[in-house]
N, C-alpha and C. Protein backbone atom coordinates (compact mmCIF):
# COMPACT_ATOMS: atom_id res chain seq x y z
N MET A 1 87.79 120.46 77.20
CA MET A 1 88.52 119.44 77.93
C MET A 1 89.19 118.52 76.93
N THR A 2 90.35 118.09 77.25
CA THR A 2 91.08 117.17 76.39
C THR A 2 90.48 115.77 76.49
N ALA A 3 90.95 114.85 75.63
CA ALA A 3 90.42 113.49 75.61
C ALA A 3 90.58 112.80 76.97
N THR A 4 91.71 112.98 77.62
CA THR A 4 91.87 112.44 78.96
C THR A 4 91.60 113.57 79.96
N GLU A 5 90.81 113.24 80.97
CA GLU A 5 90.45 114.26 81.95
C GLU A 5 91.66 114.71 82.75
N GLU A 6 91.82 116.01 82.83
CA GLU A 6 92.88 116.58 83.65
C GLU A 6 92.25 117.13 84.90
N LYS A 7 92.82 116.78 86.04
CA LYS A 7 92.27 117.19 87.32
C LYS A 7 93.41 117.42 88.31
N ILE A 8 93.27 118.48 89.10
CA ILE A 8 94.25 118.79 90.14
C ILE A 8 93.51 118.91 91.47
N LEU A 9 94.14 118.39 92.51
CA LEU A 9 93.60 118.46 93.86
C LEU A 9 94.42 119.45 94.68
N TYR A 10 93.74 120.36 95.34
CA TYR A 10 94.38 121.36 96.20
C TYR A 10 93.87 121.16 97.62
N ILE A 11 94.77 121.10 98.57
CA ILE A 11 94.40 120.92 99.97
C ILE A 11 94.76 122.19 100.73
N GLY A 12 93.77 122.78 101.39
CA GLY A 12 93.98 124.00 102.15
C GLY A 12 93.73 123.76 103.63
N SER A 13 94.63 124.24 104.46
CA SER A 13 94.49 124.03 105.90
C SER A 13 94.59 125.32 106.71
N HIS A 14 94.42 126.46 106.02
CA HIS A 14 94.50 127.75 106.72
C HIS A 14 93.24 128.56 106.48
N ALA A 15 92.98 129.47 107.41
CA ALA A 15 91.84 130.38 107.31
C ALA A 15 92.32 131.77 107.69
N GLU A 16 91.55 132.46 108.49
CA GLU A 16 91.85 133.85 108.82
C GLU A 16 93.18 134.03 109.55
N GLU A 17 93.68 132.99 110.21
CA GLU A 17 94.95 133.12 110.95
C GLU A 17 96.12 133.32 109.99
N LYS A 18 95.99 132.86 108.74
CA LYS A 18 96.99 133.06 107.69
C LYS A 18 96.25 133.30 106.38
N PRO A 19 95.69 134.50 106.21
CA PRO A 19 94.82 134.75 105.07
C PRO A 19 95.49 134.60 103.71
N ASP A 20 96.78 134.88 103.62
CA ASP A 20 97.46 134.70 102.34
C ASP A 20 97.55 133.22 101.99
N MET A 21 97.84 132.37 102.97
CA MET A 21 97.89 130.92 102.73
C MET A 21 96.50 130.34 102.49
N ALA A 22 95.48 130.95 103.09
CA ALA A 22 94.11 130.50 102.85
C ALA A 22 93.71 130.75 101.40
N ALA A 23 94.20 131.84 100.83
CA ALA A 23 93.83 132.21 99.46
C ALA A 23 94.51 131.36 98.40
N VAL A 24 95.72 130.91 98.65
CA VAL A 24 96.54 130.26 97.62
C VAL A 24 95.86 129.06 96.95
N PRO A 25 95.24 128.12 97.67
CA PRO A 25 94.61 127.00 96.96
C PRO A 25 93.54 127.46 95.98
N PHE A 26 92.82 128.51 96.33
CA PHE A 26 91.76 129.02 95.46
C PHE A 26 92.32 129.80 94.28
N VAL A 27 93.44 130.48 94.47
CA VAL A 27 94.10 131.17 93.35
C VAL A 27 94.54 130.14 92.32
N PHE A 28 95.20 129.09 92.79
CA PHE A 28 95.66 128.03 91.88
C PHE A 28 94.48 127.30 91.23
N ALA A 29 93.47 126.98 92.03
CA ALA A 29 92.31 126.25 91.51
C ALA A 29 91.56 127.08 90.48
N ASN A 30 91.40 128.37 90.73
CA ASN A 30 90.73 129.23 89.76
C ASN A 30 91.51 129.31 88.45
N ALA A 31 92.83 129.33 88.55
CA ALA A 31 93.66 129.34 87.34
C ALA A 31 93.47 128.03 86.58
N ALA A 32 93.44 126.91 87.29
CA ALA A 32 93.23 125.61 86.64
C ALA A 32 91.88 125.57 85.94
N LEU A 33 90.84 126.01 86.61
CA LEU A 33 89.51 126.01 86.01
C LEU A 33 89.46 126.87 84.76
N ALA A 34 90.15 128.01 84.78
CA ALA A 34 90.21 128.88 83.61
C ALA A 34 90.94 128.20 82.45
N MET A 35 91.78 127.21 82.77
CA MET A 35 92.52 126.45 81.75
C MET A 35 91.78 125.17 81.35
N ASP A 36 90.52 125.04 81.75
CA ASP A 36 89.71 123.84 81.50
C ASP A 36 90.27 122.59 82.15
N ILE A 37 90.87 122.77 83.31
CA ILE A 37 91.35 121.65 84.12
C ILE A 37 90.42 121.57 85.33
N LYS A 38 89.88 120.40 85.59
CA LYS A 38 89.01 120.25 86.76
C LYS A 38 89.82 120.50 88.02
N ALA A 39 89.19 121.17 88.97
CA ALA A 39 89.88 121.50 90.22
C ALA A 39 88.99 121.16 91.41
N THR A 40 89.59 120.49 92.37
CA THR A 40 88.92 120.18 93.63
C THR A 40 89.76 120.78 94.75
N VAL A 41 89.08 121.48 95.66
CA VAL A 41 89.74 121.99 96.86
C VAL A 41 89.19 121.21 98.05
N VAL A 42 90.10 120.67 98.85
CA VAL A 42 89.74 120.01 100.10
C VAL A 42 90.19 120.93 101.23
N LEU A 43 89.27 121.27 102.10
CA LEU A 43 89.59 122.10 103.26
C LEU A 43 89.70 121.21 104.49
N MET A 44 90.81 121.37 105.21
CA MET A 44 91.09 120.58 106.40
C MET A 44 91.56 121.51 107.51
N SER A 45 91.61 120.99 108.71
CA SER A 45 92.13 121.73 109.85
C SER A 45 91.42 123.09 109.95
N GLU A 46 92.19 124.17 110.17
CA GLU A 46 91.60 125.51 110.27
C GLU A 46 90.92 125.95 108.96
N GLY A 47 91.35 125.36 107.85
CA GLY A 47 90.80 125.72 106.55
C GLY A 47 89.31 125.51 106.42
N VAL A 48 88.73 124.61 107.23
CA VAL A 48 87.29 124.33 107.11
C VAL A 48 86.44 125.57 107.41
N TYR A 49 86.98 126.50 108.17
CA TYR A 49 86.22 127.73 108.46
C TYR A 49 85.86 128.48 107.17
N LEU A 50 86.69 128.37 106.15
CA LEU A 50 86.41 129.07 104.89
C LEU A 50 85.10 128.61 104.25
N ALA A 51 84.67 127.40 104.56
CA ALA A 51 83.44 126.86 103.98
C ALA A 51 82.21 127.16 104.83
N ARG A 52 82.41 127.79 105.98
CA ARG A 52 81.26 128.14 106.83
C ARG A 52 80.57 129.37 106.26
N LYS A 53 79.26 129.31 106.12
CA LYS A 53 78.48 130.43 105.57
C LYS A 53 78.86 131.73 106.26
N GLY A 54 79.17 132.75 105.47
CA GLY A 54 79.46 134.08 105.98
C GLY A 54 80.87 134.31 106.48
N TYR A 55 81.64 133.26 106.67
CA TYR A 55 82.98 133.41 107.26
C TYR A 55 83.90 134.29 106.41
N VAL A 56 83.91 134.08 105.10
CA VAL A 56 84.85 134.81 104.24
C VAL A 56 84.35 136.21 103.88
N ASP A 57 83.11 136.53 104.20
CA ASP A 57 82.51 137.79 103.75
C ASP A 57 83.30 139.03 104.18
N ASN A 58 83.90 139.00 105.34
CA ASN A 58 84.62 140.17 105.85
C ASN A 58 86.13 139.97 105.94
N MET A 59 86.62 138.87 105.37
CA MET A 59 88.07 138.66 105.38
C MET A 59 88.71 139.64 104.41
N PRO A 60 89.70 140.38 104.85
CA PRO A 60 90.38 141.30 103.93
C PRO A 60 91.24 140.53 102.93
N ALA A 61 91.50 141.18 101.82
CA ALA A 61 92.41 140.60 100.82
C ALA A 61 93.80 140.50 101.45
N ALA A 62 94.55 139.50 101.06
CA ALA A 62 95.90 139.31 101.60
C ALA A 62 96.81 138.76 100.52
N GLY A 63 98.08 139.02 100.67
CA GLY A 63 99.07 138.45 99.76
C GLY A 63 98.99 138.99 98.35
N GLY A 64 98.31 140.12 98.15
CA GLY A 64 98.16 140.68 96.81
C GLY A 64 97.06 140.00 96.00
N PHE A 65 96.29 139.11 96.63
CA PHE A 65 95.22 138.39 95.96
C PHE A 65 93.89 139.11 96.14
N PRO A 66 92.89 138.74 95.34
CA PRO A 66 91.54 139.27 95.59
C PRO A 66 91.04 138.80 96.96
N THR A 67 89.91 139.33 97.39
CA THR A 67 89.36 138.92 98.68
C THR A 67 89.03 137.44 98.66
N MET A 68 89.00 136.84 99.82
CA MET A 68 88.66 135.43 99.94
C MET A 68 87.25 135.18 99.44
N ALA A 69 86.33 136.11 99.69
CA ALA A 69 84.95 135.96 99.21
C ALA A 69 84.92 135.87 97.69
N LYS A 70 85.69 136.73 97.02
CA LYS A 70 85.73 136.70 95.55
C LYS A 70 86.36 135.40 95.06
N LEU A 71 87.45 134.99 95.67
CA LEU A 71 88.11 133.75 95.26
C LEU A 71 87.18 132.55 95.40
N LEU A 72 86.48 132.46 96.53
CA LEU A 72 85.58 131.34 96.76
C LEU A 72 84.40 131.38 95.79
N ASN A 73 83.82 132.57 95.59
CA ASN A 73 82.69 132.69 94.66
C ASN A 73 83.11 132.37 93.23
N ASP A 74 84.26 132.86 92.81
CA ASP A 74 84.75 132.56 91.45
C ASP A 74 84.98 131.06 91.29
N PHE A 75 85.54 130.44 92.30
CA PHE A 75 85.79 129.00 92.28
C PHE A 75 84.49 128.23 92.07
N ARG A 76 83.49 128.56 92.85
CA ARG A 76 82.20 127.87 92.73
C ARG A 76 81.52 128.19 91.40
N ASP A 77 81.59 129.45 90.97
CA ASP A 77 80.96 129.85 89.70
C ASP A 77 81.58 129.13 88.50
N GLN A 78 82.88 128.83 88.59
CA GLN A 78 83.56 128.15 87.49
C GLN A 78 83.40 126.63 87.55
N GLY A 79 82.69 126.13 88.56
CA GLY A 79 82.44 124.70 88.65
C GLY A 79 83.42 123.92 89.48
N GLY A 80 84.19 124.60 90.32
CA GLY A 80 85.12 123.90 91.19
C GLY A 80 84.39 123.05 92.21
N ARG A 81 85.02 121.99 92.63
CA ARG A 81 84.44 121.08 93.62
C ARG A 81 85.07 121.37 94.97
N LEU A 82 84.23 121.58 95.98
CA LEU A 82 84.70 121.93 97.32
C LEU A 82 84.34 120.82 98.30
N LEU A 83 85.37 120.18 98.85
CA LEU A 83 85.20 119.14 99.86
C LEU A 83 85.71 119.66 101.20
N VAL A 84 85.02 119.27 102.26
CA VAL A 84 85.35 119.76 103.60
C VAL A 84 85.48 118.56 104.54
N CYS A 85 86.56 118.50 105.26
CA CYS A 85 86.85 117.40 106.18
C CYS A 85 85.79 117.29 107.28
N THR A 86 85.10 116.15 107.30
CA THR A 86 84.05 115.94 108.29
C THR A 86 84.58 115.94 109.73
N PRO A 87 85.64 115.19 110.05
CA PRO A 87 86.13 115.24 111.42
C PRO A 87 86.58 116.66 111.82
N CYS A 88 87.11 117.41 110.87
CA CYS A 88 87.59 118.77 111.16
C CYS A 88 86.44 119.71 111.50
N ILE A 89 85.30 119.58 110.78
CA ILE A 89 84.17 120.46 111.09
C ILE A 89 83.52 120.05 112.41
N LYS A 90 83.49 118.75 112.68
CA LYS A 90 82.93 118.29 113.95
C LYS A 90 83.75 118.83 115.12
N GLU A 91 85.07 118.78 114.98
CA GLU A 91 85.97 119.30 116.03
C GLU A 91 85.71 120.78 116.30
N ARG A 92 85.33 121.52 115.26
CA ARG A 92 85.11 122.97 115.37
C ARG A 92 83.63 123.32 115.54
N LYS A 93 82.82 122.30 115.79
CA LYS A 93 81.39 122.46 116.05
C LYS A 93 80.68 123.20 114.91
N ILE A 94 81.05 122.85 113.67
CA ILE A 94 80.40 123.39 112.47
C ILE A 94 79.51 122.26 111.93
N ASP A 95 78.24 122.54 111.78
CA ASP A 95 77.31 121.55 111.24
C ASP A 95 77.35 121.61 109.71
N VAL A 96 77.09 120.49 109.06
CA VAL A 96 77.09 120.48 107.58
C VAL A 96 76.08 121.47 107.01
N THR A 97 75.01 121.77 107.76
CA THR A 97 74.03 122.74 107.27
C THR A 97 74.58 124.17 107.30
N ASP A 98 75.69 124.37 107.99
CA ASP A 98 76.32 125.69 108.06
C ASP A 98 77.35 125.92 106.95
N LEU A 99 77.53 124.93 106.08
CA LEU A 99 78.51 125.06 104.99
C LEU A 99 77.91 125.82 103.81
N VAL A 100 78.77 126.48 103.05
CA VAL A 100 78.34 127.23 101.87
C VAL A 100 77.74 126.27 100.84
N GLU A 101 76.92 126.83 100.00
CA GLU A 101 76.29 126.04 98.95
C GLU A 101 77.34 125.33 98.09
N GLY A 102 77.11 124.07 97.85
CA GLY A 102 78.01 123.29 97.02
C GLY A 102 79.11 122.57 97.77
N ALA A 103 79.36 122.95 99.01
CA ALA A 103 80.39 122.27 99.80
C ALA A 103 79.89 120.90 100.22
N GLN A 104 80.78 119.92 100.16
CA GLN A 104 80.43 118.55 100.54
C GLN A 104 81.35 118.09 101.66
N ALA A 105 80.74 117.56 102.71
CA ALA A 105 81.54 116.98 103.79
C ALA A 105 82.14 115.67 103.30
N THR A 106 83.37 115.41 103.70
CA THR A 106 84.07 114.22 103.23
C THR A 106 85.02 113.72 104.31
N ALA A 107 85.59 112.56 104.07
CA ALA A 107 86.56 111.99 105.02
C ALA A 107 87.75 111.44 104.24
N ALA A 108 88.66 110.82 104.93
CA ALA A 108 89.96 110.43 104.39
C ALA A 108 89.87 109.54 103.15
N ALA A 109 88.98 108.57 103.15
CA ALA A 109 88.90 107.65 102.00
C ALA A 109 88.60 108.41 100.71
N GLN A 110 87.64 109.34 100.76
CA GLN A 110 87.29 110.11 99.56
C GLN A 110 88.45 111.02 99.13
N VAL A 111 89.16 111.60 100.09
CA VAL A 111 90.31 112.44 99.75
C VAL A 111 91.39 111.59 99.07
N ASN A 112 91.60 110.38 99.57
CA ASN A 112 92.56 109.48 98.92
C ASN A 112 92.15 109.17 97.49
N LEU A 113 90.88 108.90 97.27
CA LEU A 113 90.39 108.63 95.91
C LEU A 113 90.57 109.84 95.01
N GLU A 114 90.30 111.02 95.54
CA GLU A 114 90.50 112.25 94.76
C GLU A 114 91.97 112.40 94.38
N ALA A 115 92.85 112.15 95.32
CA ALA A 115 94.28 112.27 95.05
C ALA A 115 94.73 111.27 93.99
N MET A 116 94.24 110.04 94.09
CA MET A 116 94.64 109.00 93.14
C MET A 116 94.15 109.29 91.72
N SER A 117 93.04 109.99 91.59
CA SER A 117 92.49 110.28 90.27
C SER A 117 92.97 111.62 89.71
N SER A 118 93.79 112.33 90.47
CA SER A 118 94.29 113.65 90.05
C SER A 118 95.67 113.53 89.43
N LYS A 119 95.98 114.45 88.52
CA LYS A 119 97.30 114.49 87.91
C LYS A 119 98.34 115.08 88.85
N ALA A 120 97.87 115.91 89.80
CA ALA A 120 98.77 116.55 90.76
C ALA A 120 97.99 116.87 92.03
N VAL A 121 98.72 116.94 93.15
CA VAL A 121 98.14 117.31 94.44
C VAL A 121 99.04 118.37 95.05
N PHE A 122 98.43 119.48 95.46
CA PHE A 122 99.15 120.56 96.13
C PHE A 122 98.55 120.76 97.51
N SER A 123 99.38 121.00 98.49
CA SER A 123 98.89 121.23 99.85
C SER A 123 99.44 122.55 100.38
N PHE A 124 98.53 123.34 100.93
CA PHE A 124 98.90 124.66 101.46
C PHE A 124 98.42 124.80 102.88
């Protein structure tokens, strides 16, 4: 890591309904992590389904990318931070205990703080 921390925030709002768009935040985040840049992915809207245990296990690869399960596992293995919108999971009746290991429920204030401390923010 360089003397000043480099961090990028990626916001994902898609799941199985648009599997190629669901994969993109994790493709970018995995690339950032490989470059020693801290990466945080925030899942919102339909994207929160990706953080539900078992959801990505049978999603086919899309957009020429690896499977969503591989992307998510690689992201977590490389130390990526995964935040999940609390109001979004409540709307979809997903309990925090149903989230994958390492996922943290969050709300707007924390997302704003993440964005303010990041060098860049991408939304997909």
